């Protein structure tokens, strides 16, 4: 169904926690649909699709719910950025699950609205603030652990003599240039060597120049030879 002109496209999410509430003759799904549709009409939204998780606990993580996963997969490509639920508890009864799920949707730029209380997911109750602080602390801890693991891996690799960071040397970036410079620096049969400038000129003749397109400086040629 196409969205009405001037209305914001949205999807609706429904959930029942008991199999006893599932079925055409049951009140829960019907009530949720009516509440969501009424809110949408009154607030400039057009529901383009309903997604339903039947017999799914409100304490289950949102990313483990098949209906919710299908909804996210669909809206990733259709431009919809609003999900409407009947109540906050239909999204999740467990506060931690609710806050985690809301945070993940927010990261994706998706707005979550409860029809009975549009600001429910934004309310700064003491409990909600505590949960958000805990989630922030956990995220910071995970980041610190990742940094520590990466540092440990670099240290172990460095201990083997392998270069793990910093700008790559000429030997690493252009081993053929290094080999050529060293060959040009060898003494000839009379025991003479080319000067650094002569080597640079020969490198130019063979297509090796600086980033500016000029001959390599004597100091760079020396660094190539001494690698």
N, C-alpha and C. Protein backbone atom coordinates (compact mmCIF):
# COMPACT_ATOMS: atom_id res chain seq x y z
N UNK A 1 0.85 -1.20 0.00
CA UNK A 1 0.00 0.00 0.00
C UNK A 1 0.88 1.25 0.00
N UNK A 2 0.60 2.14 -0.93
CA UNK A 2 1.42 3.35 -1.02
C UNK A 2 1.10 4.29 0.13
N UNK A 3 2.12 5.01 0.57
CA UNK A 3 1.92 5.95 1.67
C UNK A 3 1.09 7.14 1.18
N UNK A 4 0.17 7.61 2.04
CA UNK A 4 -0.64 8.76 1.69
C UNK A 4 0.25 9.98 1.52
N UNK A 5 -0.18 10.88 0.63
CA UNK A 5 0.61 12.07 0.34
C UNK A 5 0.83 12.89 1.60
N UNK A 6 2.08 13.25 1.85
CA UNK A 6 2.42 14.08 2.99
C UNK A 6 2.60 13.32 4.29
N UNK A 7 2.36 12.01 4.27
CA UNK A 7 2.52 11.23 5.49
C UNK A 7 3.88 10.52 5.51
N UNK A 8 4.37 10.27 6.71
CA UNK A 8 5.67 9.62 6.89
C UNK A 8 5.49 8.11 6.90
N UNK A 9 6.25 7.43 6.08
CA UNK A 9 6.17 5.97 6.05
C UNK A 9 6.73 5.38 7.35
N UNK A 10 6.06 4.35 7.83
CA UNK A 10 6.51 3.68 9.05
C UNK A 10 6.12 2.21 8.97
N UNK A 11 6.77 1.41 9.80
CA UNK A 11 6.37 0.01 9.94
C UNK A 11 5.92 -0.19 11.37
N UNK A 12 5.12 -1.22 11.59
CA UNK A 12 4.61 -1.50 12.92
C UNK A 12 5.16 -2.83 13.41
N UNK A 13 5.46 -2.88 14.71
CA UNK A 13 5.96 -4.12 15.30
C UNK A 13 5.00 -4.57 16.40
N UNK A 14 4.59 -5.83 16.31
CA UNK A 14 3.69 -6.42 17.29
C UNK A 14 4.36 -7.63 17.94
N UNK A 15 4.01 -7.88 19.18
CA UNK A 15 4.57 -9.04 19.88
C UNK A 15 3.57 -9.55 20.91
N UNK A 16 3.48 -10.87 21.00
CA UNK A 16 2.73 -11.49 22.09
C UNK A 16 3.66 -12.48 22.77
N UNK A 17 3.58 -12.54 24.07
CA UNK A 17 4.50 -13.39 24.82
C UNK A 17 3.98 -14.80 25.03
N UNK A 18 2.70 -15.03 24.77
CA UNK A 18 2.11 -16.34 25.00
C UNK A 18 1.45 -16.87 23.74
N UNK A 19 1.62 -18.15 23.50
CA UNK A 19 0.99 -18.78 22.34
C UNK A 19 -0.53 -18.73 22.46
N UNK A 20 -1.04 -18.60 23.69
CA UNK A 20 -2.48 -18.53 23.91
C UNK A 20 -3.08 -17.26 23.34
N UNK A 21 -2.22 -16.26 23.08
CA UNK A 21 -2.70 -14.98 22.53
C UNK A 21 -2.58 -14.90 21.03
N UNK A 22 -2.19 -16.01 20.40
CA UNK A 22 -1.98 -16.02 18.96
C UNK A 22 -3.20 -16.59 18.26
N UNK A 23 -3.66 -15.92 17.20
CA UNK A 23 -4.80 -16.41 16.44
C UNK A 23 -5.72 -15.29 16.04
N UNK A 24 -6.47 -15.52 14.98
CA UNK A 24 -7.36 -14.47 14.46
C UNK A 24 -8.43 -14.07 15.46
N UNK A 25 -8.81 -15.01 16.33
CA UNK A 25 -9.88 -14.72 17.28
C UNK A 25 -9.37 -14.15 18.59
N UNK A 26 -8.07 -13.92 18.68
CA UNK A 26 -7.48 -13.42 19.93
C UNK A 26 -7.43 -11.90 19.93
N UNK A 27 -7.48 -11.33 21.09
CA UNK A 27 -7.61 -9.87 21.22
C UNK A 27 -6.28 -9.13 21.11
N UNK A 28 -5.17 -9.75 21.54
CA UNK A 28 -3.90 -9.03 21.66
C UNK A 28 -3.43 -8.42 20.35
N UNK A 29 -3.34 -9.25 19.31
CA UNK A 29 -2.86 -8.74 18.03
C UNK A 29 -3.81 -7.69 17.47
N UNK A 30 -5.11 -7.94 17.56
CA UNK A 30 -6.11 -7.00 17.05
C UNK A 30 -6.01 -5.66 17.78
N UNK A 31 -5.85 -5.70 19.10
CA UNK A 31 -5.76 -4.47 19.88
C UNK A 31 -4.51 -3.68 19.51
N UNK A 32 -3.39 -4.37 19.34
CA UNK A 32 -2.15 -3.69 18.98
C UNK A 32 -2.28 -3.01 17.62
N UNK A 33 -2.88 -3.70 16.65
CA UNK A 33 -3.05 -3.12 15.32
C UNK A 33 -3.93 -1.87 15.37
N UNK A 34 -5.01 -1.95 16.11
CA UNK A 34 -5.93 -0.82 16.20
C UNK A 34 -5.26 0.38 16.85
N UNK A 35 -4.51 0.14 17.93
CA UNK A 35 -3.84 1.23 18.63
C UNK A 35 -2.78 1.89 17.75
N UNK A 36 -2.03 1.08 17.03
CA UNK A 36 -0.96 1.61 16.18
C UNK A 36 -1.55 2.38 15.00
N UNK A 37 -2.60 1.82 14.38
CA UNK A 37 -3.23 2.50 13.25
C UNK A 37 -3.84 3.83 13.67
N UNK A 38 -4.48 3.84 14.84
CA UNK A 38 -5.10 5.08 15.34
C UNK A 38 -4.04 6.14 15.59
N UNK A 39 -2.92 5.75 16.19
CA UNK A 39 -1.84 6.70 16.44
C UNK A 39 -1.26 7.22 15.13
N UNK A 40 -1.05 6.31 14.18
CA UNK A 40 -0.47 6.70 12.90
C UNK A 40 -1.35 7.72 12.18
N UNK A 41 -2.65 7.45 12.13
CA UNK A 41 -3.56 8.38 11.44
C UNK A 41 -3.57 9.75 12.10
N UNK A 42 -3.50 9.76 13.41
CA UNK A 42 -3.58 11.03 14.15
C UNK A 42 -2.28 11.82 14.13
N UNK A 43 -1.18 11.17 13.76
CA UNK A 43 0.13 11.84 13.85
C UNK A 43 0.91 11.87 12.54
N UNK A 44 0.21 11.68 11.43
CA UNK A 44 0.85 11.88 10.13
C UNK A 44 1.72 10.73 9.66
N UNK A 45 1.44 9.52 10.12
CA UNK A 45 2.20 8.35 9.67
C UNK A 45 1.33 7.45 8.80
N UNK A 46 1.96 6.70 7.93
CA UNK A 46 1.29 5.71 7.11
C UNK A 46 2.00 4.37 7.33
N UNK A 47 1.31 3.41 7.92
CA UNK A 47 1.89 2.09 8.18
C UNK A 47 1.92 1.31 6.87
N UNK A 48 3.11 0.97 6.42
CA UNK A 48 3.22 0.25 5.16
C UNK A 48 3.32 -1.26 5.36
N UNK A 49 3.65 -1.68 6.58
CA UNK A 49 3.73 -3.12 6.82
C UNK A 49 3.76 -3.39 8.32
N UNK A 50 3.18 -4.54 8.70
CA UNK A 50 3.19 -4.98 10.08
C UNK A 50 4.12 -6.19 10.22
N UNK A 51 4.87 -6.23 11.31
CA UNK A 51 5.73 -7.37 11.61
C UNK A 51 5.34 -7.91 12.98
N UNK A 52 5.31 -9.23 13.10
CA UNK A 52 4.73 -9.84 14.28
C UNK A 52 5.63 -10.96 14.81
N UNK A 53 5.96 -10.88 16.10
CA UNK A 53 6.64 -11.98 16.78
C UNK A 53 5.65 -12.61 17.74
N UNK A 54 5.20 -13.81 17.39
CA UNK A 54 4.21 -14.51 18.21
C UNK A 54 4.88 -15.41 19.22
N UNK A 55 4.38 -15.40 20.43
CA UNK A 55 4.89 -16.25 21.51
C UNK A 55 6.38 -16.02 21.74
N UNK A 56 6.76 -14.75 21.79
CA UNK A 56 8.15 -14.37 22.05
C UNK A 56 8.18 -13.54 23.33
N UNK A 57 9.03 -13.93 24.25
CA UNK A 57 9.11 -13.24 25.53
C UNK A 57 9.63 -11.82 25.36
N UNK A 58 9.10 -10.91 26.18
CA UNK A 58 9.56 -9.53 26.16
C UNK A 58 10.93 -9.37 26.76
N UNK A 59 11.47 -10.45 27.34
CA UNK A 59 12.83 -10.42 27.89
C UNK A 59 13.86 -10.93 26.89
N UNK A 60 13.40 -11.45 25.73
CA UNK A 60 14.33 -11.94 24.71
C UNK A 60 14.99 -10.77 24.00
N UNK A 61 16.27 -10.88 23.74
CA UNK A 61 16.99 -9.83 23.01
C UNK A 61 16.33 -9.62 21.66
N UNK A 62 16.22 -8.36 21.24
CA UNK A 62 15.49 -8.06 20.01
C UNK A 62 16.13 -8.69 18.78
N UNK A 63 17.48 -8.82 18.79
CA UNK A 63 18.13 -9.36 17.60
C UNK A 63 18.00 -10.88 17.49
N UNK A 64 17.32 -11.53 18.45
CA UNK A 64 17.08 -12.97 18.35
C UNK A 64 15.65 -13.26 17.91
N UNK A 65 14.86 -12.23 17.68
CA UNK A 65 13.46 -12.41 17.31
C UNK A 65 13.31 -12.44 15.79
N UNK A 66 12.73 -13.48 15.24
CA UNK A 66 12.63 -13.59 13.78
C UNK A 66 11.83 -12.47 13.13
N UNK A 67 10.70 -12.09 13.73
CA UNK A 67 9.90 -11.01 13.15
C UNK A 67 10.63 -9.69 13.15
N UNK A 68 11.31 -9.40 14.24
CA UNK A 68 12.05 -8.15 14.36
C UNK A 68 13.21 -8.12 13.37
N UNK A 69 13.90 -9.27 13.23
CA UNK A 69 15.02 -9.36 12.28
C UNK A 69 14.54 -9.14 10.85
N UNK A 70 13.39 -9.74 10.52
CA UNK A 70 12.84 -9.56 9.17
C UNK A 70 12.48 -8.10 8.92
N UNK A 71 11.96 -7.44 9.94
CA UNK A 71 11.60 -6.02 9.81
C UNK A 71 12.84 -5.17 9.54
N UNK A 72 13.90 -5.40 10.30
CA UNK A 72 15.12 -4.62 10.09
C UNK A 72 15.70 -4.85 8.71
N UNK A 73 15.68 -6.10 8.26
CA UNK A 73 16.21 -6.43 6.93
C UNK A 73 15.43 -5.69 5.86
N UNK A 74 14.11 -5.62 6.03
CA UNK A 74 13.27 -4.96 5.03
C UNK A 74 13.49 -3.45 5.01
N UNK A 75 13.54 -2.83 6.17
CA UNK A 75 13.60 -1.37 6.19
C UNK A 75 14.99 -0.83 5.87
N UNK A 76 16.00 -1.70 5.88
CA UNK A 76 17.34 -1.24 5.51
C UNK A 76 17.37 -0.72 4.09
N UNK A 77 16.51 -1.27 3.23
CA UNK A 77 16.57 -0.86 1.83
C UNK A 77 15.36 -0.09 1.33
N UNK A 78 14.35 0.15 2.18
CA UNK A 78 13.16 0.83 1.67
C UNK A 78 13.00 2.26 2.17
N UNK A 79 13.99 2.77 2.90
CA UNK A 79 13.96 4.16 3.32
C UNK A 79 13.14 4.47 4.55
N UNK A 80 12.44 3.48 5.09
CA UNK A 80 11.64 3.71 6.29
C UNK A 80 12.55 3.85 7.50
N UNK A 81 12.30 4.86 8.32
CA UNK A 81 13.14 5.09 9.49
C UNK A 81 12.32 5.26 10.76
N UNK A 82 11.10 4.71 10.76
CA UNK A 82 10.24 4.81 11.94
C UNK A 82 9.57 3.47 12.22
N UNK A 83 9.65 3.03 13.47
CA UNK A 83 8.95 1.82 13.91
C UNK A 83 7.97 2.24 15.01
N UNK A 84 6.73 1.79 14.89
CA UNK A 84 5.72 2.12 15.88
C UNK A 84 5.26 0.84 16.57
N UNK A 85 5.22 0.88 17.90
CA UNK A 85 4.72 -0.24 18.69
C UNK A 85 3.54 0.25 19.53
N UNK A 86 2.73 -0.67 20.03
CA UNK A 86 1.59 -0.26 20.84
C UNK A 86 2.05 0.40 22.13
N UNK A 87 2.94 -0.29 22.85
CA UNK A 87 3.49 0.22 24.10
C UNK A 87 4.97 -0.14 24.17
N UNK A 88 5.70 0.52 25.05
CA UNK A 88 7.12 0.22 25.20
C UNK A 88 7.34 -1.24 25.59
N UNK A 89 6.42 -1.80 26.37
CA UNK A 89 6.58 -3.18 26.82
C UNK A 89 6.38 -4.17 25.68
N UNK A 90 5.67 -3.76 24.61
CA UNK A 90 5.54 -4.64 23.45
C UNK A 90 6.87 -4.77 22.72
N UNK A 91 7.67 -3.74 22.83
CA UNK A 91 9.03 -3.81 22.28
C UNK A 91 9.89 -4.70 23.16
N UNK A 92 9.86 -4.45 24.46
CA UNK A 92 10.60 -5.27 25.43
C UNK A 92 10.11 -4.96 26.83
N UNK A 93 9.90 -6.00 27.62
CA UNK A 93 9.49 -5.79 29.01
C UNK A 93 10.70 -5.58 29.91
N UNK A 94 11.79 -6.26 29.60
CA UNK A 94 13.02 -6.12 30.38
C UNK A 94 13.68 -4.78 30.04
N UNK A 95 13.96 -3.96 31.05
CA UNK A 95 14.49 -2.62 30.80
C UNK A 95 15.84 -2.66 30.11
N UNK A 96 16.69 -3.59 30.50
CA UNK A 96 18.01 -3.69 29.87
C UNK A 96 17.86 -4.05 28.39
N UNK A 97 17.00 -5.01 28.08
CA UNK A 97 16.75 -5.39 26.69
C UNK A 97 16.18 -4.20 25.92
N UNK A 98 15.29 -3.46 26.56
CA UNK A 98 14.67 -2.29 25.93
C UNK A 98 15.70 -1.24 25.59
N UNK A 99 16.58 -0.93 26.54
CA UNK A 99 17.58 0.11 26.33
C UNK A 99 18.61 -0.30 25.28
N UNK A 100 19.03 -1.57 25.33
CA UNK A 100 20.00 -2.06 24.34
C UNK A 100 19.39 -2.02 22.95
N UNK A 101 18.15 -2.52 22.84
CA UNK A 101 17.48 -2.52 21.54
C UNK A 101 17.27 -1.11 21.01
N UNK A 102 16.83 -0.21 21.88
CA UNK A 102 16.60 1.18 21.47
C UNK A 102 17.91 1.82 21.01
N UNK A 103 19.00 1.56 21.75
CA UNK A 103 20.30 2.13 21.38
C UNK A 103 20.75 1.63 20.00
N UNK A 104 20.52 0.36 19.71
CA UNK A 104 20.92 -0.19 18.42
C UNK A 104 20.11 0.42 17.27
N UNK A 105 18.84 0.63 17.52
CA UNK A 105 18.02 1.26 16.49
C UNK A 105 18.46 2.70 16.27
N UNK A 106 18.75 3.39 17.36
CA UNK A 106 19.18 4.79 17.26
C UNK A 106 20.48 4.91 16.48
N UNK A 107 21.39 3.95 16.66
CA UNK A 107 22.65 3.95 15.92
C UNK A 107 22.41 3.84 14.42
N UNK A 108 21.34 3.17 14.04
CA UNK A 108 21.00 2.99 12.62
C UNK A 108 20.16 4.15 12.09
N UNK A 109 19.87 5.11 12.95
CA UNK A 109 19.05 6.24 12.53
C UNK A 109 17.57 5.91 12.45
N UNK A 110 17.14 4.91 13.23
CA UNK A 110 15.74 4.49 13.22
C UNK A 110 15.04 5.00 14.48
N UNK A 111 13.89 5.63 14.29
CA UNK A 111 13.11 6.16 15.41
C UNK A 111 12.12 5.11 15.89
N UNK A 112 12.04 4.93 17.20
CA UNK A 112 11.11 3.98 17.79
C UNK A 112 10.08 4.75 18.61
N UNK A 113 8.81 4.52 18.31
CA UNK A 113 7.73 5.27 18.97
C UNK A 113 6.71 4.32 19.58
N UNK A 114 6.33 4.57 20.82
CA UNK A 114 5.26 3.83 21.47
C UNK A 114 3.97 4.62 21.29
N UNK A 115 2.94 3.98 20.75
CA UNK A 115 1.70 4.68 20.44
C UNK A 115 1.04 5.28 21.69
N UNK A 116 1.15 4.59 22.81
CA UNK A 116 0.48 5.10 24.02
C UNK A 116 1.26 6.20 24.71
N UNK A 117 2.57 6.29 24.41
CA UNK A 117 3.42 7.31 25.04
C UNK A 117 4.61 7.58 24.12
N UNK A 118 4.46 8.47 23.16
CA UNK A 118 5.49 8.71 22.14
C UNK A 118 6.88 9.02 22.68
N UNK A 119 6.97 9.56 23.90
CA UNK A 119 8.28 9.91 24.46
C UNK A 119 8.82 8.82 25.39
N UNK A 120 8.16 7.66 25.41
CA UNK A 120 8.52 6.61 26.37
C UNK A 120 9.99 6.21 26.29
N UNK A 121 10.51 6.11 25.07
CA UNK A 121 11.89 5.64 24.92
C UNK A 121 12.91 6.75 25.14
N UNK A 122 12.43 7.97 25.33
CA UNK A 122 13.34 9.08 25.56
C UNK A 122 13.28 9.58 27.00
N UNK A 123 12.35 9.01 27.80
CA UNK A 123 12.21 9.45 29.19
C UNK A 123 13.48 9.19 29.98
N UNK A 124 13.93 10.19 30.71
CA UNK A 124 15.13 10.05 31.52
C UNK A 124 14.77 9.71 32.97
N UNK A 125 14.18 8.54 33.16
CA UNK A 125 13.92 8.09 34.52
C UNK A 125 15.23 7.68 35.16
N UNK A 126 15.34 7.70 36.49
CA UNK A 126 16.58 7.29 37.14
C UNK A 126 17.05 5.90 36.72
N UNK A 127 16.10 4.97 36.58
CA UNK A 127 16.46 3.61 36.19
C UNK A 127 17.00 3.57 34.77
N UNK A 128 16.31 4.27 33.85
CA UNK A 128 16.76 4.29 32.46
C UNK A 128 18.14 4.91 32.34
N UNK A 129 18.37 6.00 33.09
CA UNK A 129 19.68 6.65 33.06
C UNK A 129 20.76 5.72 33.58
N UNK A 130 20.44 4.95 34.64
CA UNK A 130 21.41 4.01 35.19
C UNK A 130 21.76 2.94 34.16
N UNK A 131 20.74 2.42 33.48
CA UNK A 131 20.99 1.39 32.47
C UNK A 131 21.86 1.95 31.35
N UNK A 132 21.58 3.18 30.91
CA UNK A 132 22.39 3.78 29.84
C UNK A 132 23.83 3.99 30.28
N UNK A 133 24.01 4.37 31.54
CA UNK A 133 25.36 4.54 32.06
C UNK A 133 26.10 3.20 32.10
N UNK A 134 25.38 2.15 32.50
CA UNK A 134 25.98 0.81 32.53
C UNK A 134 26.37 0.37 31.13
N UNK A 135 25.46 0.60 30.17
CA UNK A 135 25.75 0.23 28.79
C UNK A 135 26.96 1.01 28.27
N UNK A 136 27.04 2.29 28.62
CA UNK A 136 28.18 3.10 28.21
C UNK A 136 29.48 2.59 28.80
N UNK A 137 29.42 2.19 30.08
CA UNK A 137 30.61 1.66 30.75
C UNK A 137 31.05 0.35 30.11
N UNK A 138 30.07 -0.49 29.77
CA UNK A 138 30.39 -1.78 29.12
C UNK A 138 31.03 -1.54 27.76
N UNK A 139 30.48 -0.59 27.00
CA UNK A 139 31.04 -0.28 25.69
C UNK A 139 32.47 0.25 25.81
N UNK A 140 32.71 1.10 26.81
CA UNK A 140 34.06 1.64 27.03
C UNK A 140 35.02 0.53 27.44
N UNK A 141 34.53 -0.40 28.27
CA UNK A 141 35.36 -1.53 28.69
C UNK A 141 35.71 -2.40 27.49
N UNK A 142 34.71 -2.69 26.64
CA UNK A 142 34.96 -3.51 25.45
C UNK A 142 35.99 -2.85 24.54
N UNK A 143 35.88 -1.51 24.40
CA UNK A 143 36.84 -0.79 23.56
C UNK A 143 38.25 -0.88 24.13
N UNK A 144 38.35 -0.72 25.46
CA UNK A 144 39.66 -0.79 26.11
C UNK A 144 40.26 -2.20 25.97
N UNK A 145 39.42 -3.22 26.08
CA UNK A 145 39.90 -4.60 25.93
C UNK A 145 40.39 -4.85 24.51
N UNK A 146 39.67 -4.30 23.53
CA UNK A 146 40.08 -4.48 22.13
C UNK A 146 41.43 -3.81 21.88
N UNK A 147 41.58 -2.59 22.40
CA UNK A 147 42.85 -1.87 22.24
C UNK A 147 43.99 -2.65 22.89
N UNK A 148 43.74 -3.20 24.10
CA UNK A 148 44.77 -3.96 24.81
C UNK A 148 45.15 -5.22 24.03
N UNK A 149 44.16 -5.89 23.44
CA UNK A 149 44.43 -7.10 22.67
C UNK A 149 45.26 -6.78 21.43
N UNK A 150 44.91 -5.68 20.75
CA UNK A 150 45.65 -5.28 19.55
C UNK A 150 47.08 -4.89 19.90
N UNK A 151 47.25 -4.18 21.03
CA UNK A 151 48.57 -3.79 21.46
C UNK A 151 49.41 -5.02 21.78
N UNK A 152 48.81 -5.99 22.46
CA UNK A 152 49.51 -7.22 22.80
C UNK A 152 49.94 -7.98 21.56
N UNK A 153 49.04 -8.01 20.54
CA UNK A 153 49.37 -8.70 19.29
C UNK A 153 50.52 -8.01 18.58
N UNK A 154 50.51 -6.65 18.58
CA UNK A 154 51.61 -5.91 17.95
C UNK A 154 52.92 -6.16 18.67
N UNK A 155 52.87 -6.17 20.00
CA UNK A 155 54.09 -6.39 20.78
C UNK A 155 54.68 -7.77 20.51
N UNK A 156 53.80 -8.77 20.41
CA UNK A 156 54.30 -10.13 20.13
C UNK A 156 54.89 -10.21 18.74
N UNK A 157 54.28 -9.53 17.79
CA UNK A 157 54.80 -9.55 16.42
C UNK A 157 56.11 -8.79 16.33
N UNK A 158 56.17 -7.64 17.05
CA UNK A 158 57.38 -6.84 17.05
C UNK A 158 58.55 -7.63 17.66
N UNK A 159 58.26 -8.46 18.64
CA UNK A 159 59.31 -9.25 19.31
C UNK A 159 59.96 -10.24 18.36
N UNK A 160 59.26 -10.58 17.27
CA UNK A 160 59.82 -11.51 16.29
C UNK A 160 60.71 -10.79 15.27
N UNK A 161 60.76 -9.44 15.38
CA UNK A 161 61.57 -8.67 14.45
C UNK A 161 60.80 -8.14 13.26
N UNK A 162 59.51 -8.37 13.22
CA UNK A 162 58.67 -7.91 12.11
C UNK A 162 58.21 -6.49 12.39
N UNK A 163 58.31 -5.61 11.39
CA UNK A 163 57.85 -4.25 11.54
C UNK A 163 56.33 -4.23 11.49
N UNK A 164 55.69 -3.61 12.49
CA UNK A 164 54.24 -3.66 12.57
C UNK A 164 53.57 -2.29 12.47
N UNK A 165 54.32 -1.23 12.48
CA UNK A 165 53.69 0.08 12.40
C UNK A 165 54.67 1.10 11.85
N UNK A 166 54.20 2.30 11.57
CA UNK A 166 55.05 3.35 11.01
C UNK A 166 55.07 3.30 9.50
N UNK A 167 55.68 4.30 8.90
CA UNK A 167 55.75 4.39 7.45
C UNK A 167 56.67 3.32 6.89
N UNK A 168 56.23 2.71 5.79
CA UNK A 168 57.05 1.66 5.19
C UNK A 168 58.31 2.26 4.58
N UNK A 169 59.40 1.50 4.69
CA UNK A 169 60.67 1.94 4.12
C UNK A 169 60.67 1.70 2.61
N UNK A 170 61.69 2.28 1.93
CA UNK A 170 61.83 2.04 0.49
C UNK A 170 61.98 0.55 0.21
N UNK A 171 62.69 -0.14 1.08
CA UNK A 171 62.90 -1.57 0.88
C UNK A 171 61.59 -2.33 0.90
N UNK A 172 60.64 -1.86 1.71
CA UNK A 172 59.33 -2.51 1.79
C UNK A 172 58.43 -2.09 0.64
N UNK A 173 58.50 -0.80 0.26
CA UNK A 173 57.61 -0.30 -0.78
C UNK A 173 58.12 -0.59 -2.19
N UNK A 174 59.43 -0.42 -2.42
CA UNK A 174 60.01 -0.60 -3.76
C UNK A 174 61.32 -1.38 -3.68
N UNK A 175 61.24 -2.66 -3.40
CA UNK A 175 62.47 -3.45 -3.28
C UNK A 175 63.31 -3.46 -4.56
N UNK A 176 62.64 -3.32 -5.73
CA UNK A 176 63.40 -3.30 -6.98
C UNK A 176 64.25 -2.04 -7.09
N UNK A 177 63.75 -0.91 -6.57
CA UNK A 177 64.52 0.34 -6.58
C UNK A 177 65.75 0.20 -5.69
N UNK A 178 65.59 -0.39 -4.54
CA UNK A 178 66.72 -0.58 -3.62
C UNK A 178 67.78 -1.47 -4.28
N UNK A 179 67.34 -2.55 -4.88
CA UNK A 179 68.28 -3.47 -5.53
C UNK A 179 69.05 -2.78 -6.65
N UNK A 180 68.35 -1.95 -7.44
CA UNK A 180 69.00 -1.24 -8.54
C UNK A 180 70.01 -0.23 -8.02
N UNK A 181 69.65 0.52 -6.99
CA UNK A 181 70.55 1.52 -6.42
C UNK A 181 71.82 0.85 -5.90
N UNK A 182 71.69 -0.27 -5.25
CA UNK A 182 72.85 -0.98 -4.73
C UNK A 182 73.73 -1.50 -5.87
N UNK A 183 73.10 -1.97 -6.93
CA UNK A 183 73.88 -2.47 -8.06
C UNK A 183 74.66 -1.35 -8.73
N UNK A 184 74.01 -0.17 -8.85
CA UNK A 184 74.69 0.98 -9.47
C UNK A 184 75.82 1.50 -8.59
N UNK A 185 75.76 1.20 -7.29
CA UNK A 185 76.78 1.70 -6.37
C UNK A 185 78.02 0.80 -6.32
N UNK A 186 77.93 -0.36 -6.93
CA UNK A 186 79.08 -1.28 -6.89
C UNK A 186 80.26 -0.70 -7.67
N UNK A 187 81.44 -1.06 -7.25
CA UNK A 187 82.65 -0.62 -7.95
C UNK A 187 82.74 -1.30 -9.31
N UNK A 188 83.28 -0.55 -10.28
CA UNK A 188 83.49 -1.16 -11.59
C UNK A 188 84.82 -1.91 -11.57
N UNK A 189 85.25 -2.38 -12.70
CA UNK A 189 86.47 -3.21 -12.76
C UNK A 189 87.71 -2.41 -12.38
N UNK A 190 87.64 -1.12 -12.53
CA UNK A 190 88.77 -0.28 -12.15
C UNK A 190 88.70 0.15 -10.69
N UNK A 191 87.69 -0.28 -9.99
CA UNK A 191 87.57 0.06 -8.57
C UNK A 191 86.90 1.39 -8.32
N UNK A 192 86.27 1.94 -9.34
CA UNK A 192 85.60 3.23 -9.17
C UNK A 192 84.11 3.05 -8.89
N UNK A 193 83.54 4.00 -8.19
CA UNK A 193 82.10 3.99 -7.92
C UNK A 193 81.44 5.23 -8.53
N UNK A 194 80.18 5.10 -8.86
CA UNK A 194 79.40 6.26 -9.28
C UNK A 194 79.13 7.13 -8.06
N UNK A 195 79.06 8.44 -8.29
CA UNK A 195 78.67 9.33 -7.20
C UNK A 195 77.17 9.15 -6.94
N UNK A 196 76.71 9.66 -5.81
CA UNK A 196 75.29 9.55 -5.47
C UNK A 196 74.43 10.28 -6.51
N UNK A 197 74.92 11.41 -7.01
CA UNK A 197 74.17 12.16 -8.02
C UNK A 197 74.12 11.40 -9.33
N UNK A 198 75.24 10.74 -9.68
CA UNK A 198 75.25 9.94 -10.91
C UNK A 198 74.27 8.77 -10.80
N UNK A 199 74.21 8.18 -9.61
CA UNK A 199 73.26 7.07 -9.40
C UNK A 199 71.83 7.58 -9.54
N UNK A 200 71.57 8.77 -8.97
CA UNK A 200 70.23 9.36 -9.05
C UNK A 200 69.86 9.61 -10.51
N UNK A 201 70.83 10.09 -11.30
CA UNK A 201 70.57 10.36 -12.72
C UNK A 201 70.25 9.06 -13.46
N UNK A 202 70.96 7.99 -13.14
CA UNK A 202 70.71 6.71 -13.79
C UNK A 202 69.34 6.14 -13.38
N UNK A 203 68.97 6.38 -12.11
CA UNK A 203 67.65 5.94 -11.65
C UNK A 203 66.54 6.66 -12.41
N UNK A 204 66.78 7.98 -12.66
CA UNK A 204 65.80 8.73 -13.45
C UNK A 204 65.69 8.13 -14.85
N UNK A 205 66.80 7.78 -15.43
CA UNK A 205 66.80 7.21 -16.77
C UNK A 205 66.02 5.91 -16.83
N UNK A 206 65.94 5.23 -15.69
CA UNK A 206 65.22 3.95 -15.64
C UNK A 206 63.83 4.10 -15.03
N UNK A 207 63.39 5.37 -14.89
CA UNK A 207 62.00 5.61 -14.47
C UNK A 207 61.76 5.77 -12.99
N UNK A 208 62.81 5.93 -12.20
CA UNK A 208 62.62 6.08 -10.75
C UNK A 208 62.86 7.53 -10.35
N UNK A 209 61.79 8.22 -9.98
CA UNK A 209 61.88 9.61 -9.59
C UNK A 209 61.18 9.82 -8.25
N UNK A 210 61.31 11.04 -7.72
CA UNK A 210 60.65 11.37 -6.46
C UNK A 210 59.16 11.60 -6.69
N UNK A 211 58.42 11.82 -5.60
CA UNK A 211 56.99 12.09 -5.73
C UNK A 211 56.72 13.36 -6.52
N UNK A 212 57.71 14.27 -6.51
CA UNK A 212 57.56 15.53 -7.25
C UNK A 212 57.97 15.38 -8.72
N UNK A 213 58.44 14.18 -9.09
CA UNK A 213 58.84 13.95 -10.47
C UNK A 213 60.28 14.32 -10.77
N UNK A 214 61.05 14.62 -9.74
CA UNK A 214 62.45 15.01 -9.93
C UNK A 214 63.38 13.86 -9.53
N UNK A 215 64.68 14.06 -9.77
CA UNK A 215 65.64 13.04 -9.38
C UNK A 215 65.68 12.90 -7.86
N UNK A 216 65.93 11.68 -7.39
CA UNK A 216 66.04 11.46 -5.95
C UNK A 216 67.25 12.21 -5.42
N UNK A 217 67.13 12.75 -4.23
CA UNK A 217 68.24 13.49 -3.63
C UNK A 217 69.35 12.53 -3.23
N UNK A 218 70.59 13.04 -3.11
CA UNK A 218 71.71 12.19 -2.69
C UNK A 218 71.45 11.50 -1.35
N UNK A 219 70.77 12.19 -0.44
CA UNK A 219 70.52 11.59 0.87
C UNK A 219 69.58 10.38 0.75
N UNK A 220 68.59 10.48 -0.15
CA UNK A 220 67.68 9.35 -0.34
C UNK A 220 68.41 8.20 -1.02
N UNK A 221 69.25 8.54 -2.01
CA UNK A 221 70.02 7.48 -2.66
C UNK A 221 70.90 6.77 -1.65
N UNK A 222 71.51 7.53 -0.74
CA UNK A 222 72.35 6.93 0.29
C UNK A 222 71.52 6.00 1.18
N UNK A 223 70.30 6.43 1.52
CA UNK A 223 69.46 5.59 2.36
C UNK A 223 69.07 4.30 1.66
N UNK A 224 68.90 4.37 0.34
CA UNK A 224 68.58 3.16 -0.43
C UNK A 224 69.74 2.16 -0.40
N UNK A 225 70.91 2.72 -0.56
CA UNK A 225 72.11 1.88 -0.62
C UNK A 225 72.40 1.24 0.74
N UNK A 226 72.12 1.99 1.80
CA UNK A 226 72.48 1.51 3.14
C UNK A 226 71.38 0.67 3.79
N UNK A 227 70.31 0.37 3.07
CA UNK A 227 69.25 -0.45 3.64
C UNK A 227 69.77 -1.86 3.90
